Amino acid sequence: MSVPIDRTKIDWFPTIDDEKCIGCGECFHFCKNGVFAWDEANNRPRVVHPYQCVLGCSACANLCAQGAIRFPTKQELRDMIAKAREKEFY
């Protein structure tokens, strides 16, 4: 039986490069999980609920024509999951 992993132990979520972000809103409008909020003062998205991001999903980064959104690599994700499982098990 698999032991559930505490999602906050897996740092898979987007980061936004403010130098590259032009505030187009593609990521904000695409993500239905509430990861982003719109920063009215700066006219751009902010990551406000990172752990609501679906593990392995990087669709918002793929939509960003400016390349302003980054995620850990898939290998880093696998390593994070393995490390979290190990801590939960022992």
PDB file of N, CA and C in Angstrom:
ATOM      1  N   MET A   1       0.835  -1.179   0.000  1.00  0.00           N
ATOM      2  CA  MET A   1       0.000   0.000   0.000  1.00  0.00           C
ATOM      3  C   MET A   1       0.883   1.247   0.000  1.00  0.00           C
ATOM      4  N   SER A   2       0.527   2.196  -0.824  1.00  0.00           N
ATOM      5  CA  SER A   2       1.281   3.429  -0.968  1.00  0.00           C
ATOM      6  C   SER A   2       0.888   4.435   0.117  1.00  0.00           C
ATOM      7  N   VAL A   3       1.873   5.067   0.714  1.00  0.00           N
ATOM      8  CA  VAL A   3       1.638   6.083   1.732  1.00  0.00           C
ATOM      9  C   VAL A   3       1.514   7.440   1.039  1.00  0.00           C
ATOM     10  N   PRO A   4       0.464   8.201   1.331  1.00  0.00           N
ATOM     11  CA  PRO A   4       0.332   9.525   0.710  1.00  0.00           C
ATOM     12  C   PRO A   4       1.510  10.421   1.085  1.00  0.00           C
ATOM     13  N   ILE A   5       1.929  11.226   0.148  1.00  0.00           N
ATOM     14  CA  ILE A   5       3.034  12.153   0.378  1.00  0.00           C
ATOM     15  C   ILE A   5       2.459  13.544   0.628  1.00  0.00           C
ATOM     16  N   ASP A   6       2.967  14.193   1.643  1.00  0.00           N
ATOM     17  CA  ASP A   6       2.585  15.574   1.937  1.00  0.00           C
ATOM     18  C   ASP A   6       3.025  16.448   0.764  1.00  0.00           C
ATOM     19  N   ARG A   7       2.078  17.063   0.088  1.00  0.00           N
ATOM     20  CA  ARG A   7       2.370  17.853  -1.120  1.00  0.00           C
ATOM     21  C   ARG A   7       3.371  18.971  -0.847  1.00  0.00           C
ATOM     22  N   THR A   8       3.390  19.509   0.358  1.00  0.00           N
ATOM     23  CA  THR A   8       4.321  20.594   0.672  1.00  0.00           C
ATOM     24  C   THR A   8       5.768  20.118   0.763  1.00  0.00           C
ATOM     25  N   LYS A   9       5.976  18.823   0.651  1.00  0.00           N
ATOM     26  CA  LYS A   9       7.338  18.269   0.653  1.00  0.00           C
ATOM     27  C   LYS A   9       7.904  18.188  -0.765  1.00  0.00           C
ATOM     28  N   ILE A  10       7.077  18.527  -1.753  1.00  0.00           N
ATOM     29  CA  ILE A  10       7.503  18.436  -3.147  1.00  0.00           C
ATOM     30  C   ILE A  10       7.403  19.826  -3.763  1.00  0.00           C
ATOM     31  N   ASP A  11       8.548  20.439  -3.981  1.00  0.00           N
ATOM     32  CA  ASP A  11       8.592  21.815  -4.471  1.00  0.00           C
ATOM     33  C   ASP A  11       8.459  21.900  -5.989  1.00  0.00           C
ATOM     34  N   TRP A  12       7.352  21.380  -6.498  1.00  0.00           N
ATOM     35  CA  TRP A  12       7.038  21.480  -7.920  1.00  0.00           C
ATOM     36  C   TRP A  12       6.009  22.578  -8.099  1.00  0.00           C
ATOM     37  N   PHE A  13       6.429  23.697  -8.615  1.00  0.00           N
ATOM     38  CA  PHE A  13       5.541  24.812  -8.906  1.00  0.00           C
ATOM     39  C   PHE A  13       6.296  25.808  -9.785  1.00  0.00           C
ATOM     40  N   PRO A  14       5.562  26.693 -10.441  1.00  0.00           N
ATOM     41  CA  PRO A  14       6.215  27.650 -11.334  1.00  0.00           C
ATOM     42  C   PRO A  14       6.895  28.777 -10.579  1.00  0.00           C
ATOM     43  N   THR A  15       7.917  29.318 -11.191  1.00  0.00           N
ATOM     44  CA  THR A  15       8.505  30.582 -10.762  1.00  0.00           C
ATOM     45  C   THR A  15       8.464  31.506 -11.977  1.00  0.00           C
ATOM     46  N   ILE A  16       8.244  32.768 -11.726  1.00  0.00           N
ATOM     47  CA  ILE A  16       8.118  33.744 -12.806  1.00  0.00           C
ATOM     48  C   ILE A  16       9.306  34.693 -12.782  1.00  0.00           C
ATOM     49  N   ASP A  17       9.942  34.834 -13.933  1.00  0.00           N
ATOM     50  CA  ASP A  17      11.039  35.784 -14.102  1.00  0.00           C
ATOM     51  C   ASP A  17      10.415  37.135 -14.447  1.00  0.00           C
ATOM     52  N   ASP A  18      10.442  38.053 -13.501  1.00  0.00           N
ATOM     53  CA  ASP A  18       9.817  39.361 -13.701  1.00  0.00           C
ATOM     54  C   ASP A  18      10.472  40.167 -14.823  1.00  0.00           C
ATOM     55  N   GLU A  19      11.724  39.875 -15.114  1.00  0.00           N
ATOM     56  CA  GLU A  19      12.414  40.578 -16.198  1.00  0.00           C
ATOM     57  C   GLU A  19      11.856  40.175 -17.560  1.00  0.00           C
ATOM     58  N   LYS A  20      11.376  38.950 -17.667  1.00  0.00           N
ATOM     59  CA  LYS A  20      10.858  38.440 -18.939  1.00  0.00           C
ATOM     60  C   LYS A  20       9.348  38.567 -19.080  1.00  0.00           C
ATOM     61  N   CYS A  21       8.637  38.557 -17.968  1.00  0.00           N
ATOM     62  CA  CYS A  21       7.167  38.582 -17.996  1.00  0.00           C
ATOM     63  C   CYS A  21       6.666  39.915 -18.534  1.00  0.00           C
ATOM     64  N   ILE A  22       5.769  39.847 -19.531  1.00  0.00           N
ATOM     65  CA  ILE A  22       5.184  41.058 -20.103  1.00  0.00           C
ATOM     66  C   ILE A  22       3.739  41.273 -19.632  1.00  0.00           C
ATOM     67  N   GLY A  23       3.261  40.390 -18.762  1.00  0.00           N
ATOM     68  CA  GLY A  23       1.910  40.543 -18.218  1.00  0.00           C
ATOM     69  C   GLY A  23       0.801  40.212 -19.191  1.00  0.00           C
ATOM     70  N   CYS A  24       1.038  39.263 -20.083  1.00  0.00           N
ATOM     71  CA  CYS A  24       0.014  38.903 -21.077  1.00  0.00           C
ATOM     72  C   CYS A  24      -1.171  38.173 -20.443  1.00  0.00           C
ATOM     73  N   GLY A  25      -0.944  37.487 -19.318  1.00  0.00           N
ATOM     74  CA  GLY A  25      -2.023  36.805 -18.603  1.00  0.00           C
ATOM     75  C   GLY A  25      -2.335  35.403 -19.079  1.00  0.00           C
ATOM     76  N   GLU A  26      -1.603  34.876 -20.050  1.00  0.00           N
ATOM     77  CA  GLU A  26      -1.867  33.521 -20.558  1.00  0.00           C
ATOM     78  C   GLU A  26      -1.838  32.491 -19.433  1.00  0.00           C
ATOM     79  N   CYS A  27      -0.822  32.528 -18.606  1.00  0.00           N
ATOM     80  CA  CYS A  27      -0.697  31.547 -17.516  1.00  0.00           C
ATOM     81  C   CYS A  27      -1.831  31.700 -16.509  1.00  0.00           C
ATOM     82  N   PHE A  28      -2.128  32.932 -16.156  1.00  0.00           N
ATOM     83  CA  PHE A  28      -3.181  33.236 -15.186  1.00  0.00           C
ATOM     84  C   PHE A  28      -4.533  32.709 -15.653  1.00  0.00           C
ATOM     85  N   HIS A  29      -4.856  32.937 -16.907  1.00  0.00           N
ATOM     86  CA  HIS A  29      -6.154  32.506 -17.444  1.00  0.00           C
ATOM     87  C   HIS A  29      -6.201  31.004 -17.701  1.00  0.00           C
ATOM     88  N   PHE A  30      -5.062  30.400 -17.983  1.00  0.00           N
ATOM     89  CA  PHE A  30      -5.019  28.967 -18.269  1.00  0.00           C
ATOM     90  C   PHE A  30      -5.184  28.118 -17.012  1.00  0.00           C
ATOM     91  N   CYS A  31      -4.467  28.461 -15.958  1.00  0.00           N
ATOM     92  CA  CYS A  31      -4.426  27.614 -14.753  1.00  0.00           C
ATOM     93  C   CYS A  31      -5.742  27.690 -13.990  1.00  0.00           C
ATOM     94  N   LYS A  32      -6.393  26.545 -13.879  1.00  0.00           N
ATOM     95  CA  LYS A  32      -7.676  26.459 -13.161  1.00  0.00           C
ATOM     96  C   LYS A  32      -7.500  25.984 -11.720  1.00  0.00           C
ATOM     97  N   ASN A  33      -6.246  25.845 -11.283  1.00  0.00           N
ATOM     98  CA  ASN A  33      -5.979  25.342  -9.937  1.00  0.00           C
ATOM     99  C   ASN A  33      -5.694  26.448  -8.927  1.00  0.00           C
ATOM    100  N   GLY A  34      -5.769  27.682  -9.340  1.00  0.00           N
ATOM    101  CA  GLY A  34      -5.583  28.794  -8.407  1.00  0.00           C
ATOM    102  C   GLY A  34      -4.147  29.031  -7.995  1.00  0.00           C
ATOM    103  N   VAL A  35      -3.207  28.578  -8.796  1.00  0.00           N
ATOM    104  CA  VAL A  35      -1.796  28.775  -8.466  1.00  0.00           C
ATOM    105  C   VAL A  35      -1.438  30.262  -8.549  1.00  0.00           C
ATOM    106  N   PHE A  36      -1.996  30.945  -9.539  1.00  0.00           N
ATOM    107  CA  PHE A  36      -1.676  32.346  -9.781  1.00  0.00           C
ATOM    108  C   PHE A  36      -2.767  33.284  -9.266  1.00  0.00           C
ATOM    109  N   ALA A  37      -2.353  34.489  -8.926  1.00  0.00           N
ATOM    110  CA  ALA A  37      -3.266  35.593  -8.666  1.00  0.00           C
ATOM    111  C   ALA A  37      -2.770  36.748  -9.534  1.00  0.00           C
ATOM    112  N   TRP A  38      -3.661  37.647  -9.864  1.00  0.00           N
ATOM    113  CA  TRP A  38      -3.273  38.775 -10.692  1.00  0.00           C
ATOM    114  C   TRP A  38      -2.878  39.947  -9.800  1.00  0.00           C
ATOM    115  N   ASP A  39      -1.672  40.435 -10.002  1.00  0.00           N
ATOM    116  CA  ASP A  39      -1.132  41.578  -9.266  1.00  0.00           C
ATOM    117  C   ASP A  39      -1.521  42.843 -10.040  1.00  0.00           C
ATOM    118  N   GLU A  40      -2.588  43.488  -9.605  1.00  0.00           N
ATOM    119  CA  GLU A  40      -3.099  44.676 -10.297  1.00  0.00           C
ATOM    120  C   GLU A  40      -2.075  45.812 -10.328  1.00  0.00           C
ATOM    121  N   ALA A  41      -1.348  45.984  -9.251  1.00  0.00           N
ATOM    122  CA  ALA A  41      -0.388  47.083  -9.163  1.00  0.00           C
ATOM    123  C   ALA A  41       0.729  46.955 -10.197  1.00  0.00           C
ATOM    124  N   ASN A  42       1.128  45.720 -10.478  1.00  0.00           N
ATOM    125  CA  ASN A  42       2.228  45.495 -11.421  1.00  0.00           C
ATOM    126  C   ASN A  42       1.766  44.913 -12.747  1.00  0.00           C
ATOM    127  N   ASN A  43       0.455  44.680 -12.880  1.00  0.00           N
ATOM    128  CA  ASN A  43      -0.149  44.146 -14.097  1.00  0.00           C
ATOM    129  C   ASN A  43       0.533  42.864 -14.567  1.00  0.00           C
ATOM    130  N   ARG A  44       0.614  41.914 -13.640  1.00  0.00           N
ATOM    131  CA  ARG A  44       1.215  40.624 -13.989  1.00  0.00           C
ATOM    132  C   ARG A  44       0.807  39.554 -12.980  1.00  0.00           C
ATOM    133  N   PRO A  45       0.986  38.299 -13.350  1.00  0.00           N
ATOM    134  CA  PRO A  45       0.622  37.214 -12.431  1.00  0.00           C
ATOM    135  C   PRO A  45       1.674  37.035 -11.338  1.00  0.00           C
ATOM    136  N   ARG A  46       1.217  36.480 -10.246  1.00  0.00           N
ATOM    137  CA  ARG A  46       2.083  36.096  -9.130  1.00  0.00           C
ATOM    138  C   ARG A  46       1.706  34.682  -8.718  1.00  0.00           C
ATOM    139  N   VAL A  47       2.687  33.912  -8.303  1.00  0.00           N
ATOM    140  CA  VAL A  47       2.439  32.571  -7.773  1.00  0.00           C
ATOM    141  C   VAL A  47       2.067  32.764  -6.302  1.00  0.00           C
ATOM    142  N   VAL A  48       0.808  32.460  -5.970  1.00  0.00           N
ATOM    143  CA  VAL A  48       0.325  32.675  -4.601  1.00  0.00           C
ATOM    144  C   VAL A  48      -0.038  31.375  -3.880  1.00  0.00           C
ATOM    145  N   HIS A  49      -0.345  30.338  -4.640  1.00  0.00           N
ATOM    146  CA  HIS A  49      -0.677  29.041  -4.051  1.00  0.00           C
ATOM    147  C   HIS A  49       0.138  27.959  -4.779  1.00  0.00           C
ATOM    148  N   PRO A  50       1.444  27.944  -4.546  1.00  0.00           N
ATOM    149  CA  PRO A  50       2.319  27.042  -5.309  1.00  0.00           C
ATOM    150  C   PRO A  50       1.973  25.571  -5.181  1.00  0.00           C
ATOM    151  N   TYR A  51       1.521  25.142  -4.020  1.00  0.00           N
ATOM    152  CA  TYR A  51       1.281  23.714  -3.815  1.00  0.00           C
ATOM    153  C   TYR A  51      -0.060  23.238  -4.368  1.00  0.00           C
ATOM    154  N   GLN A  52      -0.779  24.126  -5.023  1.00  0.00           N
ATOM    155  CA  GLN A  52      -1.976  23.727  -5.753  1.00  0.00           C
ATOM    156  C   GLN A  52      -1.635  23.342  -7.186  1.00  0.00           C
ATOM    157  N   CYS A  53      -0.385  23.510  -7.561  1.00  0.00           N
ATOM    158  CA  CYS A  53       0.072  23.140  -8.901  1.00  0.00           C
ATOM    159  C   CYS A  53       0.086  21.614  -9.009  1.00  0.00           C
ATOM    160  N   VAL A  54      -0.386  21.109 -10.124  1.00  0.00           N
ATOM    161  CA  VAL A  54      -0.426  19.669 -10.364  1.00  0.00           C
ATOM    162  C   VAL A  54       0.985  19.165 -10.622  1.00  0.00           C
ATOM    163  N   LEU A  55       1.378  18.129  -9.885  1.00  0.00           N
ATOM    164  CA  LEU A  55       2.714  17.571 -10.061  1.00  0.00           C
ATOM    165  C   LEU A  55       2.942  17.137 -11.505  1.00  0.00           C
ATOM    166  N   GLY A  56       4.024  17.623 -12.075  1.00  0.00           N
ATOM    167  CA  GLY A  56       4.385  17.259 -13.441  1.00  0.00           C
ATOM    168  C   GLY A  56       3.801  18.160 -14.504  1.00  0.00           C
ATOM    169  N   CYS A  57       2.828  18.982 -14.150  1.00  0.00           N
ATOM    170  CA  CYS A  57       2.229  19.890 -15.135  1.00  0.00           C
ATOM    171  C   CYS A  57       3.131  21.107 -15.315  1.00  0.00           C
ATOM    172  N   SER A  58       3.417  21.430 -16.543  1.00  0.00           N
ATOM    173  CA  SER A  58       4.175  22.642 -16.846  1.00  0.00           C
ATOM    174  C   SER A  58       3.547  23.367 -18.034  1.00  0.00           C
ATOM    175  N   ALA A  59       2.242  23.173 -18.201  1.00  0.00           N
ATOM    176  CA  ALA A  59       1.531  23.744 -19.342  1.00  0.00           C
ATOM    177  C   ALA A  59       1.637  25.267 -19.381  1.00  0.00           C
ATOM    178  N   CYS A  60       1.588  25.920 -18.235  1.00  0.00           N
ATOM    179  CA  CYS A  60       1.669  27.390 -18.234  1.00  0.00           C
ATOM    180  C   CYS A  60       3.012  27.852 -18.787  1.00  0.00           C
ATOM    181  N   ALA A  61       4.080  27.120 -18.478  1.00  0.00           N
ATOM    182  CA  ALA A  61       5.402  27.467 -19.017  1.00  0.00           C
ATOM    183  C   ALA A  61       5.426  27.278 -20.528  1.00  0.00           C
ATOM    184  N   ASN A  62       4.763  26.242 -21.002  1.00  0.00           N
ATOM    185  CA  ASN A  62       4.706  25.998 -22.442  1.00  0.00           C
ATOM    186  C   ASN A  62       3.920  27.085 -23.165  1.00  0.00           C
ATOM    187  N   LEU A  63       2.944  27.685 -22.482  1.00  0.00           N
ATOM    188  CA  LEU A  63       2.147  28.755 -23.078  1.00  0.00           C
ATOM    189  C   LEU A  63       2.874  30.094 -23.103  1.00  0.00           C
ATOM    190  N   CYS A  64       3.850  30.259 -22.253  1.00  0.00           N
ATOM    191  CA  CYS A  64       4.520  31.552 -22.105  1.00  0.00           C
ATOM    192  C   CYS A  64       5.494  31.802 -23.258  1.00  0.00           C
ATOM    193  N   ALA A  65       5.098  32.682 -24.161  1.00  0.00           N
ATOM    194  CA  ALA A  65       5.922  32.999 -25.328  1.00  0.00           C
ATOM    195  C   ALA A  65       7.225  33.704 -24.943  1.00  0.00           C
ATOM    196  N   GLN A  66       7.252  34.316 -23.771  1.00  0.00           N
ATOM    197  CA  GLN A  66       8.439  35.041 -23.321  1.00  0.00           C
ATOM    198  C   GLN A  66       9.439  34.148 -22.589  1.00  0.00           C
ATOM    199  N   GLY A  67       9.026  32.915 -22.269  1.00  0.00           N
ATOM    200  CA  GLY A  67       9.906  32.020 -21.512  1.00  0.00           C
ATOM    201  C   GLY A  67      10.138  32.504 -20.090  1.00  0.00           C
ATOM    202  N   ALA A  68       9.119  33.165 -19.524  1.00  0.00           N
ATOM    203  CA  ALA A  68       9.247  33.750 -18.186  1.00  0.00           C
ATOM    204  C   ALA A  68       8.921  32.785 -17.059  1.00  0.00           C
ATOM    205  N   ILE A  69       8.392  31.612 -17.378  1.00  0.00           N
ATOM    206  CA  ILE A  69       7.988  30.663 -16.345  1.00  0.00           C
ATOM    207  C   ILE A  69       8.912  29.458 -16.371  1.00  0.00           C
ATOM    208  N   ARG A  70       9.394  29.107 -15.205  1.00  0.00           N
ATOM    209  CA  ARG A  70      10.298  27.962 -15.058  1.00  0.00           C
ATOM    210  C   ARG A  70       9.755  26.984 -14.036  1.00  0.00           C
ATOM    211  N   PHE A  71      10.115  25.730 -14.228  1.00  0.00           N
ATOM    212  CA  PHE A  71       9.815  24.645 -13.295  1.00  0.00           C
ATOM    213  C   PHE A  71      11.094  23.857 -13.052  1.00  0.00           C
ATOM    214  N   PRO A  72      11.142  23.076 -11.974  1.00  0.00           N
ATOM    215  CA  PRO A  72      12.244  22.127 -11.835  1.00  0.00           C
ATOM    216  C   PRO A  72      12.184  21.140 -13.013  1.00  0.00           C
ATOM    217  N   THR A  73      13.277  20.469 -13.260  1.00  0.00           N
ATOM    218  CA  THR A  73      13.283  19.462 -14.329  1.00  0.00           C
ATOM    219  C   THR A  73      12.472  18.247 -13.886  1.00  0.00           C
ATOM    220  N   LYS A  74      12.102  17.412 -14.844  1.00  0.00           N
ATOM    221  CA  LYS A  74      11.358  16.182 -14.517  1.00  0.00           C
ATOM    222  C   LYS A  74      12.211  15.272 -13.633  1.00  0.00           C
ATOM    223  N   GLN A  75      13.526  15.265 -13.850  1.00  0.00           N
ATOM    224  CA  GLN A  75      14.390  14.452 -12.997  1.00  0.00           C
ATOM    225  C   GLN A  75      14.392  14.990 -11.569  1.00  0.00           C
ATOM    226  N   GLU A  76      14.420  16.303 -11.417  1.00  0.00           N
ATOM    227  CA  GLU A  76      14.350  16.894 -10.081  1.00  0.00           C
ATOM    228  C   GLU A  76      13.027  16.529  -9.408  1.00  0.00           C
ATOM    229  N   LEU A  77      11.954  16.507 -10.174  1.00  0.00           N
ATOM    230  CA  LEU A  77      10.656  16.097  -9.635  1.00  0.00           C
ATOM    231  C   LEU A  77      10.712  14.659  -9.148  1.00  0.00           C
ATOM    232  N   ARG A  78      11.254  13.766  -9.961  1.00  0.00           N
ATOM    233  CA  ARG A  78      11.376  12.362  -9.537  1.00  0.00           C
ATOM    234  C   ARG A  78      12.207  12.239  -8.262  1.00  0.00           C
ATOM    235  N   ASP A  79      13.286  13.003  -8.188  1.00  0.00           N
ATOM    236  CA  ASP A  79      14.139  12.973  -6.992  1.00  0.00           C
ATOM    237  C   ASP A  79      13.395  13.493  -5.765  1.00  0.00           C
ATOM    238  N   MET A  80      12.610  14.564  -5.931  1.00  0.00           N
ATOM    239  CA  MET A  80      11.832  15.113  -4.813  1.00  0.00           C
ATOM    240  C   MET A  80      10.813  14.107  -4.301  1.00  0.00           C
ATOM    241  N   ILE A  81      10.137  13.424  -5.246  1.00  0.00           N
ATOM    242  CA  ILE A  81       9.147  12.422  -4.853  1.00  0.00           C
ATOM    243  C   ILE A  81       9.811  11.265  -4.121  1.00  0.00           C
ATOM    244  N   ALA A  82      10.928  10.799  -4.644  1.00  0.00           N
ATOM    245  CA  ALA A  82      11.647   9.693  -3.998  1.00  0.00           C
ATOM    246  C   ALA A  82      12.092  10.094  -2.590  1.00  0.00           C
ATOM    247  N   LYS A  83      12.600  11.296  -2.442  1.00  0.00           N
ATOM    248  CA  LYS A  83      13.059  11.768  -1.136  1.00  0.00           C
ATOM    249  C   LYS A  83      11.884  11.898  -0.163  1.00  0.00           C
ATOM    250  N   ALA A  84      10.763  12.425  -0.643  1.00  0.00           N
ATOM    251  CA  ALA A  84       9.573  12.563   0.209  1.00  0.00           C
ATOM    252  C   ALA A  84       9.042  11.196   0.627  1.00  0.00           C
ATOM    253  N   ARG A  85       9.029  10.235  -0.296  1.00  0.00           N
ATOM    254  CA  ARG A  85       8.573   8.880   0.047  1.00  0.00           C
ATOM    255  C   ARG A  85       9.480   8.251   1.096  1.00  0.00           C
ATOM    256  N   GLU A  86      10.763   8.446   0.919  1.00  0.00           N
ATOM    257  CA  GLU A  86      11.725   7.891   1.870  1.00  0.00           C
ATOM    258  C   GLU A  86      11.500   8.458   3.267  1.00  0.00           C
ATOM    259  N   LYS A  87      11.273   9.757   3.361  1.00  0.00           N
ATOM    260  CA  LYS A  87      11.037  10.392   4.670  1.00  0.00           C
ATOM    261  C   LYS A  87       9.722   9.927   5.285  1.00  0.00           C
ATOM    262  N   GLU A  88       8.683   9.726   4.461  1.00  0.00           N
ATOM    263  CA  GLU A  88       7.389   9.265   4.962  1.00  0.00           C
ATOM    264  C   GLU A  88       7.470   7.817   5.436  1.00  0.00           C
ATOM    265  N   PHE A  89       8.309   7.034   4.763  1.00  0.00           N
ATOM    266  CA  PHE A  89       8.400   5.615   5.081  1.00  0.00           C
ATOM    267  C   PHE A  89       9.216   5.359   6.335  1.00  0.00           C
ATOM    268  N   TYR A  90      10.272   6.123   6.509  1.00  0.00           N
ATOM    269  CA  TYR A  90      11.174   5.868   7.646  1.00  0.00           C
ATOM    270  C   TYR A  90      10.904   6.763   8.765  1.00  0.00           C
TER     271      TYR A  90
END
